[in-house]
């Protein structure tokens, strides 16, 4: 199996991704962009890592901006939204 030649100045990601600030929406966006890059590379494990990082960045955002709300609260709302879409009713 021939090795594909890659530029030597890249790390995990092939695209330039701006760094976000921890606890801010810019960090969530950074992680989403990293997920998209992982998708372009067809790197399934990296995709899962980026999903985990998205959850972590959302949790830090919530701690800073909505300290009385939890990830569990978001999951409850996500389930309600999914139910509404599956049932075709809002």
PDB file of N, CA and C in Angstrom:
ATOM      1  N   UNK A   1       0.843  -1.177   0.000  1.00  0.00           N
ATOM      2  CA  UNK A   1       0.000   0.000   0.000  1.00  0.00           C
ATOM      3  C   UNK A   1       0.893   1.247   0.000  1.00  0.00           C
ATOM      4  N   UNK A   2       0.754   2.081  -0.999  1.00  0.00           N
ATOM      5  CA  UNK A   2       1.577   3.273  -1.123  1.00  0.00           C
ATOM      6  C   UNK A   2       1.114   4.344  -0.152  1.00  0.00           C
ATOM      7  N   UNK A   3       2.075   5.018   0.454  1.00  0.00           N
ATOM      8  CA  UNK A   3       1.741   6.103   1.368  1.00  0.00           C
ATOM      9  C   UNK A   3       1.421   7.351   0.570  1.00  0.00           C
ATOM     10  N   UNK A   4       0.380   8.041   1.003  1.00  0.00           N
ATOM     11  CA  UNK A   4       0.001   9.288   0.366  1.00  0.00           C
ATOM     12  C   UNK A   4       0.882  10.397   0.920  1.00  0.00           C
ATOM     13  N   UNK A   5       1.492  11.181   0.052  1.00  0.00           N
ATOM     14  CA  UNK A   5       2.378  12.257   0.493  1.00  0.00           C
ATOM     15  C   UNK A   5       1.535  13.422   1.008  1.00  0.00           C
ATOM     16  N   UNK A   6       1.799  13.840   2.233  1.00  0.00           N
ATOM     17  CA  UNK A   6       1.083  14.943   2.872  1.00  0.00           C
ATOM     18  C   UNK A   6       2.054  16.082   3.127  1.00  0.00           C
ATOM     19  N   UNK A   7       1.574  17.314   3.139  1.00  0.00           N
ATOM     20  CA  UNK A   7       2.437  18.425   3.530  1.00  0.00           C
ATOM     21  C   UNK A   7       2.983  18.179   4.940  1.00  0.00           C
ATOM     22  N   UNK A   8       4.176  18.660   5.215  1.00  0.00           N
ATOM     23  CA  UNK A   8       4.809  18.390   6.500  1.00  0.00           C
ATOM     24  C   UNK A   8       4.393  19.365   7.597  1.00  0.00           C
ATOM     25  N   UNK A   9       3.698  20.429   7.257  1.00  0.00           N
ATOM     26  CA  UNK A   9       3.348  21.440   8.253  1.00  0.00           C
ATOM     27  C   UNK A   9       1.920  21.321   8.770  1.00  0.00           C
ATOM     28  N   UNK A  10       1.304  20.152   8.650  1.00  0.00           N
ATOM     29  CA  UNK A  10      -0.066  19.982   9.128  1.00  0.00           C
ATOM     30  C   UNK A  10      -0.085  19.041  10.327  1.00  0.00           C
ATOM     31  N   UNK A  11      -1.112  19.180  11.131  1.00  0.00           N
ATOM     32  CA  UNK A  11      -1.313  18.280  12.261  1.00  0.00           C
ATOM     33  C   UNK A  11      -2.511  17.400  11.980  1.00  0.00           C
ATOM     34  N   UNK A  12      -3.433  17.361  12.917  1.00  0.00           N
ATOM     35  CA  UNK A  12      -4.630  16.544  12.739  1.00  0.00           C
ATOM     36  C   UNK A  12      -5.488  17.031  11.578  1.00  0.00           C
ATOM     37  N   UNK A  13      -5.574  18.341  11.411  1.00  0.00           N
ATOM     38  CA  UNK A  13      -6.527  18.904  10.455  1.00  0.00           C
ATOM     39  C   UNK A  13      -5.828  19.432   9.223  1.00  0.00           C
ATOM     40  N   UNK A  14      -6.491  19.263   8.083  1.00  0.00           N
ATOM     41  CA  UNK A  14      -5.931  19.687   6.811  1.00  0.00           C
ATOM     42  C   UNK A  14      -6.277  21.128   6.480  1.00  0.00           C
ATOM     43  N   UNK A  15      -7.334  21.639   7.087  1.00  0.00           N
ATOM     44  CA  UNK A  15      -7.751  23.014   6.838  1.00  0.00           C
ATOM     45  C   UNK A  15      -7.358  23.894   8.017  1.00  0.00           C
ATOM     46  N   UNK A  16      -7.169  25.160   7.737  1.00  0.00           N
ATOM     47  CA  UNK A  16      -6.858  26.137   8.789  1.00  0.00           C
ATOM     48  C   UNK A  16      -8.142  26.425   9.567  1.00  0.00           C
ATOM     49  N   UNK A  17      -8.102  26.198  10.861  1.00  0.00           N
ATOM     50  CA  UNK A  17      -9.289  26.385  11.700  1.00  0.00           C
ATOM     51  C   UNK A  17      -8.954  27.425  12.759  1.00  0.00           C
ATOM     52  N   UNK A  18      -9.724  28.533  12.779  1.00  0.00           N
ATOM     53  CA  UNK A  18      -9.440  29.566  13.784  1.00  0.00           C
ATOM     54  C   UNK A  18      -9.713  29.046  15.190  1.00  0.00           C
ATOM     55  N   UNK A  19      -8.849  29.403  16.115  1.00  0.00           N
ATOM     56  CA  UNK A  19      -9.001  28.989  17.512  1.00  0.00           C
ATOM     57  C   UNK A  19     -10.087  29.815  18.184  1.00  0.00           C
ATOM     58  N   UNK A  20     -10.953  29.133  18.916  1.00  0.00           N
ATOM     59  CA  UNK A  20     -11.998  29.817  19.670  1.00  0.00           C
ATOM     60  C   UNK A  20     -11.558  30.045  21.096  1.00  0.00           C
ATOM     61  N   UNK A  21     -12.369  30.766  21.825  1.00  0.00           N
ATOM     62  CA  UNK A  21     -12.098  31.049  23.235  1.00  0.00           C
ATOM     63  C   UNK A  21     -12.936  30.116  24.098  1.00  0.00           C
ATOM     64  N   UNK A  22     -12.282  29.427  25.023  1.00  0.00           N
ATOM     65  CA  UNK A  22     -12.970  28.491  25.918  1.00  0.00           C
ATOM     66  C   UNK A  22     -14.091  29.219  26.650  1.00  0.00           C
ATOM     67  N   UNK A  23     -15.263  28.599  26.675  1.00  0.00           N
ATOM     68  CA  UNK A  23     -16.423  29.183  27.341  1.00  0.00           C
ATOM     69  C   UNK A  23     -17.248  30.099  26.454  1.00  0.00           C
ATOM     70  N   UNK A  24     -16.841  30.225  25.202  1.00  0.00           N
ATOM     71  CA  UNK A  24     -17.558  31.089  24.260  1.00  0.00           C
ATOM     72  C   UNK A  24     -18.040  30.274  23.067  1.00  0.00           C
ATOM     73  N   UNK A  25     -18.978  30.833  22.317  1.00  0.00           N
ATOM     74  CA  UNK A  25     -19.506  30.129  21.150  1.00  0.00           C
ATOM     75  C   UNK A  25     -18.434  29.933  20.089  1.00  0.00           C
ATOM     76  N   UNK A  26     -17.418  30.770  20.082  1.00  0.00           N
ATOM     77  CA  UNK A  26     -16.337  30.605  19.102  1.00  0.00           C
ATOM     78  C   UNK A  26     -15.615  29.270  19.291  1.00  0.00           C
ATOM     79  N   UNK A  27     -15.557  28.763  20.524  1.00  0.00           N
ATOM     80  CA  UNK A  27     -14.929  27.459  20.770  1.00  0.00           C
ATOM     81  C   UNK A  27     -15.810  26.331  20.235  1.00  0.00           C
ATOM     82  N   UNK A  28     -17.118  26.473  20.378  1.00  0.00           N
ATOM     83  CA  UNK A  28     -18.052  25.488  19.826  1.00  0.00           C
ATOM     84  C   UNK A  28     -17.885  25.446  18.307  1.00  0.00           C
ATOM     85  N   UNK A  29     -17.815  26.618  17.685  1.00  0.00           N
ATOM     86  CA  UNK A  29     -17.632  26.690  16.235  1.00  0.00           C
ATOM     87  C   UNK A  29     -16.316  26.041  15.824  1.00  0.00           C
ATOM     88  N   UNK A  30     -15.248  26.287  16.566  1.00  0.00           N
ATOM     89  CA  UNK A  30     -13.962  25.655  16.268  1.00  0.00           C
ATOM     90  C   UNK A  30     -14.100  24.136  16.231  1.00  0.00           C
ATOM     91  N   UNK A  31     -14.786  23.584  17.216  1.00  0.00           N
ATOM     92  CA  UNK A  31     -14.941  22.131  17.284  1.00  0.00           C
ATOM     93  C   UNK A  31     -15.810  21.607  16.140  1.00  0.00           C
ATOM     94  N   UNK A  32     -16.829  22.350  15.743  1.00  0.00           N
ATOM     95  CA  UNK A  32     -17.669  21.946  14.603  1.00  0.00           C
ATOM     96  C   UNK A  32     -16.849  21.954  13.317  1.00  0.00           C
ATOM     97  N   UNK A  33     -16.032  22.982  13.137  1.00  0.00           N
ATOM     98  CA  UNK A  33     -15.173  23.042  11.953  1.00  0.00           C
ATOM     99  C   UNK A  33     -14.172  21.886  11.946  1.00  0.00           C
ATOM    100  N   UNK A  34     -13.678  21.514  13.119  1.00  0.00           N
ATOM    101  CA  UNK A  34     -12.781  20.365  13.212  1.00  0.00           C
ATOM    102  C   UNK A  34     -13.517  19.061  12.868  1.00  0.00           C
ATOM    103  N   UNK A  35     -14.779  18.961  13.266  1.00  0.00           N
ATOM    104  CA  UNK A  35     -15.591  17.798  12.886  1.00  0.00           C
ATOM    105  C   UNK A  35     -15.731  17.722  11.373  1.00  0.00           C
ATOM    106  N   UNK A  36     -16.007  18.849  10.741  1.00  0.00           N
ATOM    107  CA  UNK A  36     -16.151  18.855   9.289  1.00  0.00           C
ATOM    108  C   UNK A  36     -14.849  18.453   8.603  1.00  0.00           C
ATOM    109  N   UNK A  37     -13.733  18.904   9.136  1.00  0.00           N
ATOM    110  CA  UNK A  37     -12.443  18.517   8.591  1.00  0.00           C
ATOM    111  C   UNK A  37     -12.234  17.009   8.735  1.00  0.00           C
ATOM    112  N   UNK A  38     -12.595  16.466   9.894  1.00  0.00           N
ATOM    113  CA  UNK A  38     -12.484  15.018  10.119  1.00  0.00           C
ATOM    114  C   UNK A  38     -13.372  14.249   9.140  1.00  0.00           C
ATOM    115  N   UNK A  39     -14.550  14.791   8.838  1.00  0.00           N
ATOM    116  CA  UNK A  39     -15.432  14.166   7.843  1.00  0.00           C
ATOM    117  C   UNK A  39     -14.777  14.164   6.468  1.00  0.00           C
ATOM    118  N   UNK A  40     -14.152  15.280   6.095  1.00  0.00           N
ATOM    119  CA  UNK A  40     -13.491  15.369   4.794  1.00  0.00           C
ATOM    120  C   UNK A  40     -12.346  14.356   4.687  1.00  0.00           C
ATOM    121  N   UNK A  41     -11.723  14.051   5.834  1.00  0.00           N
ATOM    122  CA  UNK A  41     -10.638  13.073   5.849  1.00  0.00           C
ATOM    123  C   UNK A  41     -11.146  11.638   5.975  1.00  0.00           C
ATOM    124  N   UNK A  42     -12.459  11.485   6.163  1.00  0.00           N
ATOM    125  CA  UNK A  42     -13.081  10.184   6.383  1.00  0.00           C
ATOM    126  C   UNK A  42     -12.446   9.462   7.580  1.00  0.00           C
ATOM    127  N   UNK A  43     -12.155  10.257   8.626  1.00  0.00           N
ATOM    128  CA  UNK A  43     -11.514   9.741   9.838  1.00  0.00           C
ATOM    129  C   UNK A  43     -12.589   9.556  10.912  1.00  0.00           C
ATOM    130  N   UNK A  44     -13.160   8.364  10.949  1.00  0.00           N
ATOM    131  CA  UNK A  44     -14.313   8.106  11.816  1.00  0.00           C
ATOM    132  C   UNK A  44     -13.994   8.287  13.298  1.00  0.00           C
ATOM    133  N   UNK A  45     -12.848   7.822  13.753  1.00  0.00           N
ATOM    134  CA  UNK A  45     -12.491   7.988  15.163  1.00  0.00           C
ATOM    135  C   UNK A  45     -12.311   9.461  15.488  1.00  0.00           C
ATOM    136  N   UNK A  46     -11.648  10.208  14.597  1.00  0.00           N
ATOM    137  CA  UNK A  46     -11.477  11.646  14.814  1.00  0.00           C
ATOM    138  C   UNK A  46     -12.837  12.347  14.867  1.00  0.00           C
ATOM    139  N   UNK A  47     -13.779  11.898  14.058  1.00  0.00           N
ATOM    140  CA  UNK A  47     -15.123  12.485  14.084  1.00  0.00           C
ATOM    141  C   UNK A  47     -15.741  12.317  15.471  1.00  0.00           C
ATOM    142  N   UNK A  48     -15.595  11.132  16.049  1.00  0.00           N
ATOM    143  CA  UNK A  48     -16.155  10.880  17.378  1.00  0.00           C
ATOM    144  C   UNK A  48     -15.459  11.731  18.435  1.00  0.00           C
ATOM    145  N   UNK A  49     -14.151  11.889  18.305  1.00  0.00           N
ATOM    146  CA  UNK A  49     -13.413  12.748  19.233  1.00  0.00           C
ATOM    147  C   UNK A  49     -13.922  14.182  19.134  1.00  0.00           C
ATOM    148  N   UNK A  50     -14.132  14.654  17.922  1.00  0.00           N
ATOM    149  CA  UNK A  50     -14.623  16.026  17.735  1.00  0.00           C
ATOM    150  C   UNK A  50     -16.042  16.185  18.286  1.00  0.00           C
ATOM    151  N   UNK A  51     -16.881  15.156  18.138  1.00  0.00           N
ATOM    152  CA  UNK A  51     -18.214  15.227  18.754  1.00  0.00           C
ATOM    153  C   UNK A  51     -18.100  15.364  20.266  1.00  0.00           C
ATOM    154  N   UNK A  52     -17.174  14.615  20.855  1.00  0.00           N
ATOM    155  CA  UNK A  52     -16.927  14.721  22.288  1.00  0.00           C
ATOM    156  C   UNK A  52     -16.449  16.127  22.648  1.00  0.00           C
ATOM    157  N   UNK A  53     -15.558  16.677  21.834  1.00  0.00           N
ATOM    158  CA  UNK A  53     -15.058  18.032  22.087  1.00  0.00           C
ATOM    159  C   UNK A  53     -16.180  19.063  21.973  1.00  0.00           C
ATOM    160  N   UNK A  54     -17.115  18.843  21.043  1.00  0.00           N
ATOM    161  CA  UNK A  54     -18.265  19.752  20.916  1.00  0.00           C
ATOM    162  C   UNK A  54     -19.076  19.733  22.207  1.00  0.00           C
ATOM    163  N   UNK A  55     -19.345  18.544  22.719  1.00  0.00           N
ATOM    164  CA  UNK A  55     -20.098  18.438  23.976  1.00  0.00           C
ATOM    165  C   UNK A  55     -19.353  19.157  25.097  1.00  0.00           C
ATOM    166  N   UNK A  56     -18.049  18.953  25.172  1.00  0.00           N
ATOM    167  CA  UNK A  56     -17.253  19.626  26.200  1.00  0.00           C
ATOM    168  C   UNK A  56     -17.288  21.132  26.060  1.00  0.00           C
ATOM    169  N   UNK A  57     -17.199  21.635  24.834  1.00  0.00           N
ATOM    170  CA  UNK A  57     -17.218  23.086  24.641  1.00  0.00           C
ATOM    171  C   UNK A  57     -18.600  23.667  24.946  1.00  0.00           C
ATOM    172  N   UNK A  58     -19.653  22.902  24.665  1.00  0.00           N
ATOM    173  CA  UNK A  58     -21.004  23.344  25.024  1.00  0.00           C
ATOM    174  C   UNK A  58     -21.151  23.388  26.545  1.00  0.00           C
ATOM    175  N   UNK A  59     -20.638  22.374  27.225  1.00  0.00           N
ATOM    176  CA  UNK A  59     -20.719  22.345  28.695  1.00  0.00           C
ATOM    177  C   UNK A  59     -19.998  23.549  29.304  1.00  0.00           C
ATOM    178  N   UNK A  60     -18.825  23.898  28.787  1.00  0.00           N
ATOM    179  CA  UNK A  60     -18.084  25.053  29.311  1.00  0.00           C
ATOM    180  C   UNK A  60     -18.809  26.365  29.002  1.00  0.00           C
ATOM    181  N   UNK A  61     -19.418  26.443  27.834  1.00  0.00           N
ATOM    182  CA  UNK A  61     -20.219  27.618  27.477  1.00  0.00           C
ATOM    183  C   UNK A  61     -21.376  27.770  28.464  1.00  0.00           C
ATOM    184  N   UNK A  62     -22.038  26.655  28.740  1.00  0.00           N
ATOM    185  CA  UNK A  62     -23.181  26.690  29.650  1.00  0.00           C
ATOM    186  C   UNK A  62     -22.754  27.074  31.059  1.00  0.00           C
ATOM    187  N   UNK A  63     -21.640  26.534  31.524  1.00  0.00           N
ATOM    188  CA  UNK A  63     -21.147  26.883  32.861  1.00  0.00           C
ATOM    189  C   UNK A  63     -20.923  28.387  32.984  1.00  0.00           C
ATOM    190  N   UNK A  64     -20.427  28.992  31.912  1.00  0.00           N
ATOM    191  CA  UNK A  64     -20.129  30.426  31.937  1.00  0.00           C
ATOM    192  C   UNK A  64     -21.370  31.288  31.748  1.00  0.00           C
ATOM    193  N   UNK A  65     -22.218  30.920  30.784  1.00  0.00           N
ATOM    194  CA  UNK A  65     -23.332  31.793  30.394  1.00  0.00           C
ATOM    195  C   UNK A  65     -24.693  31.371  30.959  1.00  0.00           C
ATOM    196  N   UNK A  66     -24.841  30.102  31.314  1.00  0.00           N
ATOM    197  CA  UNK A  66     -26.109  29.582  31.833  1.00  0.00           C
ATOM    198  C   UNK A  66     -25.820  28.591  32.960  1.00  0.00           C
ATOM    199  N   UNK A  67     -25.243  29.070  34.061  1.00  0.00           N
ATOM    200  CA  UNK A  67     -24.765  28.147  35.105  1.00  0.00           C
ATOM    201  C   UNK A  67     -25.850  27.320  35.793  1.00  0.00           C
ATOM    202  N   UNK A  68     -27.089  27.724  35.700  1.00  0.00           N
ATOM    203  CA  UNK A  68     -28.148  26.944  36.357  1.00  0.00           C
ATOM    204  C   UNK A  68     -28.781  25.915  35.414  1.00  0.00           C
ATOM    205  N   UNK A  69     -28.269  25.811  34.203  1.00  0.00           N
ATOM    206  CA  UNK A  69     -28.788  24.868  33.218  1.00  0.00           C
ATOM    207  C   UNK A  69     -27.713  23.817  32.933  1.00  0.00           C
ATOM    208  N   UNK A  70     -28.145  22.583  32.678  1.00  0.00           N
ATOM    209  CA  UNK A  70     -27.190  21.498  32.476  1.00  0.00           C
ATOM    210  C   UNK A  70     -27.332  20.889  31.080  1.00  0.00           C
ATOM    211  N   UNK A  71     -26.357  20.060  30.735  1.00  0.00           N
ATOM    212  CA  UNK A  71     -26.425  19.291  29.492  1.00  0.00           C
ATOM    213  C   UNK A  71     -27.690  18.425  29.496  1.00  0.00           C
ATOM    214  N   UNK A  72     -28.039  17.891  30.650  1.00  0.00           N
ATOM    215  CA  UNK A  72     -29.258  17.075  30.739  1.00  0.00           C
ATOM    216  C   UNK A  72     -30.493  17.878  30.336  1.00  0.00           C
ATOM    217  N   UNK A  73     -30.527  19.161  30.699  1.00  0.00           N
ATOM    218  CA  UNK A  73     -31.641  20.024  30.284  1.00  0.00           C
ATOM    219  C   UNK A  73     -31.684  20.153  28.767  1.00  0.00           C
ATOM    220  N   UNK A  74     -30.520  20.276  28.154  1.00  0.00           N
ATOM    221  CA  UNK A  74     -30.464  20.356  26.690  1.00  0.00           C
ATOM    222  C   UNK A  74     -30.931  19.049  26.053  1.00  0.00           C
ATOM    223  N   UNK A  75     -30.546  17.937  26.641  1.00  0.00           N
ATOM    224  CA  UNK A  75     -30.951  16.633  26.102  1.00  0.00           C
ATOM    225  C   UNK A  75     -32.458  16.462  26.171  1.00  0.00           C
ATOM    226  N   UNK A  76     -33.071  16.909  27.259  1.00  0.00           N
ATOM    227  CA  UNK A  76     -34.538  16.854  27.374  1.00  0.00           C
ATOM    228  C   UNK A  76     -35.176  17.631  26.225  1.00  0.00           C
ATOM    229  N   UNK A  77     -34.680  18.839  25.972  1.00  0.00           N
ATOM    230  CA  UNK A  77     -35.249  19.658  24.897  1.00  0.00           C
ATOM    231  C   UNK A  77     -34.980  19.022  23.537  1.00  0.00           C
ATOM    232  N   UNK A  78     -33.809  18.445  23.356  1.00  0.00           N
ATOM    233  CA  UNK A  78     -33.487  17.787  22.083  1.00  0.00           C
ATOM    234  C   UNK A  78     -34.439  16.629  21.817  1.00  0.00           C
ATOM    235  N   UNK A  79     -34.772  15.884  22.846  1.00  0.00           N
ATOM    236  CA  UNK A  79     -35.709  14.761  22.682  1.00  0.00           C
ATOM    237  C   UNK A  79     -37.104  15.256  22.321  1.00  0.00           C
ATOM    238  N   UNK A  80     -37.506  16.355  22.931  1.00  0.00           N
ATOM    239  CA  UNK A  80     -38.817  16.936  22.618  1.00  0.00           C
ATOM    240  C   UNK A  80     -38.840  17.413  21.167  1.00  0.00           C
ATOM    241  N   UNK A  81     -37.765  18.073  20.741  1.00  0.00           N
ATOM    242  CA  UNK A  81     -37.674  18.551  19.359  1.00  0.00           C
ATOM    243  C   UNK A  81     -37.683  17.381  18.383  1.00  0.00           C
ATOM    244  N   UNK A  82     -36.938  16.333  18.692  1.00  0.00           N
ATOM    245  CA  UNK A  82     -36.920  15.151  17.822  1.00  0.00           C
ATOM    246  C   UNK A  82     -38.313  14.552  17.698  1.00  0.00           C
ATOM    247  N   UNK A  83     -39.004  14.444  18.841  1.00  0.00           N
ATOM    248  CA  UNK A  83     -40.369  13.898  18.825  1.00  0.00           C
ATOM    249  C   UNK A  83     -41.264  14.731  17.918  1.00  0.00           C
ATOM    250  N   UNK A  84     -41.144  16.063  18.018  1.00  0.00           N
ATOM    251  CA  UNK A  84     -41.970  16.940  17.204  1.00  0.00           C
ATOM    252  C   UNK A  84     -41.683  16.742  15.721  1.00  0.00           C
ATOM    253  N   UNK A  85     -40.400  16.634  15.353  1.00  0.00           N
ATOM    254  CA  UNK A  85     -40.055  16.427  13.939  1.00  0.00           C
ATOM    255  C   UNK A  85     -40.505  15.063  13.448  1.00  0.00           C
ATOM    256  N   UNK A  86     -40.334  14.024  14.267  1.00  0.00           N
ATOM    257  CA  UNK A  86     -40.758  12.691  13.861  1.00  0.00           C
ATOM    258  C   UNK A  86     -42.272  12.604  13.699  1.00  0.00           C
ATOM    259  N   UNK A  87     -43.005  13.342  14.515  1.00  0.00           N
ATOM    260  CA  UNK A  87     -44.463  13.328  14.440  1.00  0.00           C
ATOM    261  C   UNK A  87     -45.009  14.335  13.443  1.00  0.00           C
ATOM    262  N   UNK A  88     -44.119  15.194  12.941  1.00  0.00           N
ATOM    263  CA  UNK A  88     -44.549  16.198  11.978  1.00  0.00           C
ATOM    264  C   UNK A  88     -45.401  17.301  12.596  1.00  0.00           C
ATOM    265  N   UNK A  89     -45.291  17.470  13.907  1.00  0.00           N
ATOM    266  CA  UNK A  89     -46.080  18.489  14.611  1.00  0.00           C
ATOM    267  C   UNK A  89     -45.164  19.320  15.478  1.00  0.00           C
ATOM    268  N   UNK A  90     -45.481  20.592  15.551  1.00  0.00           N
ATOM    269  CA  UNK A  90     -44.696  21.480  16.412  1.00  0.00           C
ATOM    270  C   UNK A  90     -45.537  21.966  17.547  1.00  0.00           C
TER     271      UNK A  90
END
